[in-house]
Amino acid sequence: MSYDVALYRREVQEKHDQNPQESFFEDEANILPFTPEQHQRLHERLLAYGYKEVSRQPSHIEYLLDRGDDPPILAMLFSSTLHLTVSPASSEDVFDIGMTASEFTDDGDFAKYDSQLGDWERIED
């Protein structure tokens, strides 16, 4: 079983909060693209976290984080989302990608969506 979390612009979470329909993510108009600066910051942060760029596709960049004996973590940076995936996923793996995604939201520009839980991470002040 794989585990996947995604980062979107904070405005996507706000739009989803206003319109939490099941089909929300299927409508591309709801998924705002990252600004060039946001995209570059995510790219640089992945590299700083030890991810290696392994492939540039027309639609996205793929990265891998080699973790020795543990399954590698795959990151895919699209124009509007960053997906972090691990397969197979142990509870420690789920924690690792969840924490990484949470740390990427620390500047307030991004929001973390956990598709397995079907909800956004909400930080209470």
Protein backbone atom coordinates (compact mmCIF):
# COMPACT_ATOMS: atom_id res chain seq x y z
CA MET A 1 0.00 0.00 0.00
CA SER A 2 1.32 3.44 -0.87
CA TYR A 3 0.78 6.62 1.08
CA ASP A 4 0.49 10.03 -0.56
CA VAL A 5 0.29 13.60 0.67
CA ALA A 6 0.10 16.71 -1.47
CA LEU A 7 0.94 20.37 -1.11
CA TYR A 8 -1.12 23.05 -2.80
CA ARG A 9 -1.20 26.81 -2.63
CA ARG A 10 -2.97 28.00 0.54
CA GLU A 11 -5.65 29.57 -1.66
CA VAL A 12 -6.67 26.11 -2.90
CA GLN A 13 -7.44 25.07 0.67
CA GLU A 14 -9.47 28.24 1.15
CA LYS A 15 -11.45 27.53 -2.05
CA HIS A 16 -12.03 23.93 -0.92
CA ASP A 17 -13.24 25.13 2.49
CA GLN A 18 -15.82 27.28 0.69
CA ASN A 19 -16.82 24.50 -1.72
CA PRO A 20 -16.02 21.08 -0.16
CA GLN A 21 -17.61 18.99 -2.89
CA GLU A 22 -16.24 15.53 -3.65
CA SER A 23 -15.44 16.61 -7.20
CA PHE A 24 -13.43 19.67 -6.10
CA PHE A 25 -10.02 18.27 -7.10
CA GLU A 26 -11.33 17.08 -10.47
CA ASP A 27 -12.00 20.66 -11.61
CA GLU A 28 -8.65 22.09 -12.74
CA ALA A 29 -9.99 25.62 -12.27
CA ASN A 30 -9.90 25.00 -8.51
CA ILE A 31 -6.22 24.04 -8.47
CA LEU A 32 -4.20 27.24 -8.72
CA PRO A 33 -0.67 26.93 -10.12
CA PHE A 34 2.32 27.79 -7.98
CA THR A 35 3.94 31.10 -8.73
CA PRO A 36 7.38 30.71 -10.34
CA GLU A 37 8.92 31.77 -7.02
CA GLN A 38 6.90 29.17 -5.06
CA HIS A 39 7.81 26.45 -7.57
CA GLN A 40 11.49 27.33 -7.30
CA ARG A 41 11.35 27.40 -3.47
CA LEU A 42 9.79 23.93 -3.41
CA HIS A 43 12.44 22.64 -5.84
CA GLU A 44 15.25 24.07 -3.73
CA ARG A 45 13.75 22.78 -0.50
CA LEU A 46 13.48 19.25 -1.86
CA LEU A 47 17.15 19.37 -2.81
CA ALA A 48 18.04 20.74 0.64
CA TYR A 49 16.16 17.81 2.23
CA GLY A 50 18.34 15.37 0.29
CA TYR A 51 16.00 14.55 -2.59
CA LYS A 52 17.76 13.91 -5.89
CA GLU A 53 16.22 15.05 -9.14
CA VAL A 54 15.83 11.91 -11.26
CA SER A 55 13.61 12.99 -14.15
CA ARG A 56 12.22 16.08 -15.87
CA GLN A 57 8.97 15.43 -17.68
CA PRO A 58 6.92 18.00 -19.62
CA SER A 59 4.37 18.08 -16.78
CA HIS A 60 6.55 17.60 -13.69
CA ILE A 61 9.91 16.97 -12.07
CA GLU A 62 10.52 13.69 -10.22
CA TYR A 63 12.78 13.37 -7.19
CA LEU A 64 13.79 10.42 -5.02
CA LEU A 65 14.96 10.37 -1.44
CA ASP A 66 17.11 7.29 -0.92
CA ARG A 67 16.69 6.03 2.65
CA GLY A 68 18.97 3.01 2.61
CA ASP A 69 17.04 -0.10 3.61
CA ASP A 70 13.71 1.77 3.80
CA PRO A 71 11.64 2.34 0.65
CA PRO A 72 12.60 5.55 -1.17
CA ILE A 73 10.25 8.51 -1.06
CA LEU A 74 9.09 9.78 -4.44
CA ALA A 75 8.35 13.49 -4.85
CA MET A 76 6.67 14.84 -7.97
CA LEU A 77 6.58 18.60 -8.42
CA PHE A 78 3.88 19.70 -10.85
CA SER A 79 2.94 23.26 -11.74
CA SER A 80 0.20 23.25 -9.09
CA THR A 81 0.96 20.40 -6.65
CA LEU A 82 3.79 18.67 -4.89
CA HIS A 83 3.10 14.98 -4.22
CA LEU A 84 5.12 12.94 -1.74
CA THR A 85 4.60 9.18 -2.00
CA VAL A 86 6.08 6.14 -0.30
CA SER A 87 5.29 2.51 -1.16
CA PRO A 88 4.99 0.20 0.64
CA ALA A 89 4.23 2.41 3.59
CA SER A 90 4.89 1.61 7.22
CA SER A 91 3.69 3.87 10.02
CA GLU A 92 7.19 5.35 10.20
CA ASP A 93 7.13 6.10 6.46
CA VAL A 94 3.74 7.79 6.77
CA PHE A 95 5.11 9.88 9.62
CA ASP A 96 8.21 10.83 7.58
CA ILE A 97 6.36 12.13 4.53
CA GLY A 98 3.70 13.75 6.68
CA MET A 99 6.32 15.65 8.68
CA THR A 100 8.19 16.72 5.55
CA ALA A 101 5.00 18.05 3.97
CA SER A 102 4.07 19.82 7.22
CA GLU A 103 7.49 21.48 7.38
CA PHE A 104 7.02 22.74 3.82
CA THR A 105 3.90 24.64 4.96
CA ASP A 106 5.78 26.64 7.58
CA ASP A 107 5.95 29.83 5.50
CA GLY A 108 2.15 29.97 5.11
CA ASP A 109 2.15 29.79 1.30
CA PHE A 110 1.27 26.10 1.10
CA ALA A 111 -1.36 23.76 2.53
CA LYS A 112 -1.01 20.01 3.09
CA TYR A 113 -3.76 17.66 1.91
CA ASP A 114 -3.75 14.06 3.08
CA SER A 115 -5.75 12.10 0.51
CA GLN A 116 -5.98 9.03 2.76
CA LEU A 117 -7.70 11.12 5.45
CA GLY A 118 -9.54 13.22 2.88
CA ASP A 119 -8.73 16.44 4.70
CA TRP A 120 -6.34 19.32 5.09
CA GLU A 121 -3.84 19.63 7.88
CA ARG A 122 -4.99 22.38 10.20
CA ILE A 123 -2.58 23.96 12.63
CA GLU A 124 -4.25 25.36 15.70
CA ASP A 125 -2.69 28.46 17.22
